[in-house]
Amino acid sequence: MPPDADSGWIRTLERMRRDNQRWRREHARWQDDVRQWQQESNRLSAVLFRLERAIPDYGDTLKDHAFAILQHDLRLRHHEQKLSASLDNGPPREITREILVAEHREQADHHRGVRRQHENMKKLHREAIREIRRLTSLADDIAQQIKD
């Protein structure tokens, strides 16, 4: 073989070795990516487990809130009945007036508290539903990409 042929072959071999080294570095990055993705997938499984446990707790909180609203409604009805009775019976005695005013203040405070609870619950619910919809859409997208 002529010397020029050997030098051309050596250059070809060196180029192929550089290609192979580049491929090995890329392969190492792929392995790093997969390890990271596996760790993230494991963390996601743990998060999903926590979510599965949190949803029934959230349902219990909703039931408690619904019950608090029902109790508040009963209080409102009772207070309304007292006010209506006082209006129907003519001018009340002074002690009755003081009691009604005190009860009304208490009712106003209670109503503000229930309103605050409801607003907090509404905000939590909206945020949770928005996030669940986003995650559901993401899961659908991922499932579609896996199929493709």
Protein backbone atom coordinates (compact mmCIF):
# COMPACT_ATOMS: atom_id res chain seq x y z
CA MET A 1 0.00 0.00 0.00
CA PRO A 2 1.35 3.45 -0.82
CA PRO A 3 2.17 5.69 2.17
CA ASP A 4 -0.51 8.20 1.17
CA ALA A 5 -3.14 5.47 1.42
CA ASP A 6 -2.06 4.70 4.98
CA SER A 7 -2.25 8.36 6.03
CA GLY A 8 -5.73 8.66 4.49
CA TRP A 9 -6.79 5.54 6.33
CA ILE A 10 -5.33 6.84 9.59
CA ARG A 11 -7.25 10.10 9.19
CA THR A 12 -10.40 8.11 8.54
CA LEU A 13 -9.78 6.01 11.64
CA GLU A 14 -9.09 9.10 13.74
CA ARG A 15 -12.30 10.74 12.47
CA MET A 16 -14.28 7.58 13.24
CA ARG A 17 -12.73 7.44 16.73
CA ARG A 18 -13.67 11.11 17.35
CA ASP A 19 -17.20 10.32 16.17
CA ASN A 20 -17.32 7.37 18.54
CA GLN A 21 -16.01 9.46 21.46
CA ARG A 22 -18.62 12.14 20.73
CA TRP A 23 -21.30 9.46 20.61
CA ARG A 24 -20.10 8.04 23.95
CA ARG A 25 -20.29 11.51 25.56
CA GLU A 26 -23.79 11.94 24.15
CA HIS A 27 -24.67 8.45 25.36
CA ALA A 28 -23.43 9.39 28.87
CA ARG A 29 -25.68 12.47 28.80
CA TRP A 30 -28.61 10.26 27.82
CA GLN A 31 -27.89 8.00 30.76
CA ASP A 32 -27.73 11.03 33.07
CA ASP A 33 -31.06 12.23 31.66
CA VAL A 34 -32.70 8.85 32.21
CA ARG A 35 -31.39 8.64 35.80
CA GLN A 36 -32.76 12.11 36.51
CA TRP A 37 -36.10 11.25 34.90
CA GLN A 38 -36.33 8.06 36.93
CA GLN A 39 -35.73 10.01 40.14
CA GLU A 40 -38.34 12.57 39.14
CA SER A 41 -40.76 9.79 38.23
CA ASN A 42 -40.23 8.24 41.67
CA ARG A 43 -40.87 11.61 43.32
CA LEU A 44 -43.98 12.05 41.18
CA SER A 45 -45.26 8.66 42.34
CA ALA A 46 -44.78 9.81 45.93
CA VAL A 47 -46.64 13.05 45.19
CA LEU A 48 -49.50 11.13 43.57
CA PHE A 49 -49.70 8.90 46.64
CA ARG A 50 -49.97 12.01 48.83
CA LEU A 51 -52.64 13.42 46.50
CA GLU A 52 -54.61 10.19 46.70
CA ARG A 53 -54.63 10.55 50.47
CA ALA A 54 -55.37 14.29 50.40
CA ILE A 55 -58.46 14.07 48.19
CA PRO A 56 -60.61 12.22 50.77
CA ASP A 57 -59.38 14.66 53.43
CA TYR A 58 -60.44 17.51 51.17
CA GLY A 59 -63.83 15.83 50.74
CA ASP A 60 -64.18 15.68 54.53
CA THR A 61 -63.30 19.38 54.73
CA LEU A 62 -66.00 20.14 52.14
CA LYS A 63 -68.54 18.14 54.17
CA ASP A 64 -67.56 20.04 57.32
CA HIS A 65 -67.93 23.33 55.48
CA ALA A 66 -71.33 22.34 54.09
CA PHE A 67 -72.42 21.44 57.63
CA ALA A 68 -71.15 24.79 58.94
CA ILE A 69 -73.20 26.56 56.26
CA LEU A 70 -76.27 24.52 57.24
CA GLN A 71 -75.78 25.45 60.90
CA HIS A 72 -75.34 29.07 59.90
CA ASP A 73 -78.59 28.92 57.96
CA LEU A 74 -80.38 27.58 61.03
CA ARG A 75 -78.91 30.41 63.12
CA LEU A 76 -80.03 32.96 60.53
CA ARG A 77 -83.56 31.54 60.47
CA HIS A 78 -83.76 31.54 64.27
CA HIS A 79 -82.49 35.12 64.44
CA GLU A 80 -84.95 36.19 61.75
CA GLN A 81 -87.81 34.60 63.69
CA LYS A 82 -86.83 36.53 66.83
CA LEU A 83 -86.67 39.79 64.88
CA SER A 84 -90.01 39.15 63.18
CA ALA A 85 -91.63 38.25 66.48
CA SER A 86 -90.34 41.44 68.05
CA LEU A 87 -91.69 43.48 65.14
CA ASP A 88 -95.07 41.74 65.37
CA ASN A 89 -95.37 42.21 69.13
CA GLY A 90 -94.89 45.94 69.14
CA PRO A 91 -92.20 47.87 70.97
CA PRO A 92 -90.11 45.49 73.11
CA ARG A 93 -89.06 46.09 76.68
CA GLU A 94 -85.62 47.62 77.23
CA ILE A 95 -84.06 44.32 78.33
CA THR A 96 -85.42 42.62 75.20
CA ARG A 97 -83.95 45.36 73.04
CA GLU A 98 -80.51 44.93 74.63
CA ILE A 99 -80.68 41.17 74.16
CA LEU A 100 -81.74 41.49 70.52
CA VAL A 101 -78.99 44.02 69.76
CA ALA A 102 -76.36 41.82 71.47
CA GLU A 103 -77.60 38.73 69.59
CA HIS A 104 -77.53 40.66 66.34
CA ARG A 105 -73.91 41.73 66.93
CA GLU A 106 -73.04 38.13 67.70
CA GLN A 107 -74.83 37.00 64.55
CA ALA A 108 -72.95 39.60 62.49
CA ASP A 109 -69.61 38.37 63.90
CA HIS A 110 -70.55 34.76 63.21
CA HIS A 111 -71.64 35.62 59.68
CA ARG A 112 -68.31 37.36 58.98
CA GLY A 113 -66.49 34.26 60.22
CA VAL A 114 -68.50 31.91 58.01
CA ARG A 115 -68.02 34.30 55.06
CA ARG A 116 -64.25 34.26 55.65
CA GLN A 117 -64.24 30.45 55.82
CA HIS A 118 -66.28 30.25 52.64
CA GLU A 119 -64.01 32.67 50.76
CA ASN A 120 -60.95 30.67 51.86
CA MET A 121 -62.62 27.45 50.78
CA LYS A 122 -63.61 28.97 47.44
CA LYS A 123 -60.06 30.15 46.79
CA LEU A 124 -58.58 26.76 47.74
CA HIS A 125 -61.10 24.93 45.57
CA ARG A 126 -60.51 27.15 42.53
CA GLU A 127 -56.74 26.77 42.83
CA ALA A 128 -56.98 23.02 43.31
CA ILE A 129 -59.34 22.54 40.37
CA ARG A 130 -57.22 24.76 38.12
CA GLU A 131 -54.12 22.75 39.00
CA ILE A 132 -55.91 19.41 38.59
CA ARG A 133 -57.16 20.47 35.15
CA ARG A 134 -53.64 21.53 34.17
CA LEU A 135 -52.17 18.24 35.36
CA THR A 136 -54.94 16.25 33.67
CA SER A 137 -54.21 18.02 30.40
CA LEU A 138 -50.50 17.35 30.83
CA ALA A 139 -51.19 13.67 31.55
CA ASP A 140 -53.34 13.47 28.43
CA ASP A 141 -50.58 15.08 26.37
CA ILE A 142 -47.98 12.70 27.74
CA ALA A 143 -50.20 9.69 27.10
CA GLN A 144 -50.75 10.85 23.51
CA GLN A 145 -47.02 11.34 22.93
CA ILE A 146 -46.29 7.88 24.29
CA LYS A 147 -48.83 6.40 21.86
CA ASP A 148 -47.29 8.29 18.92
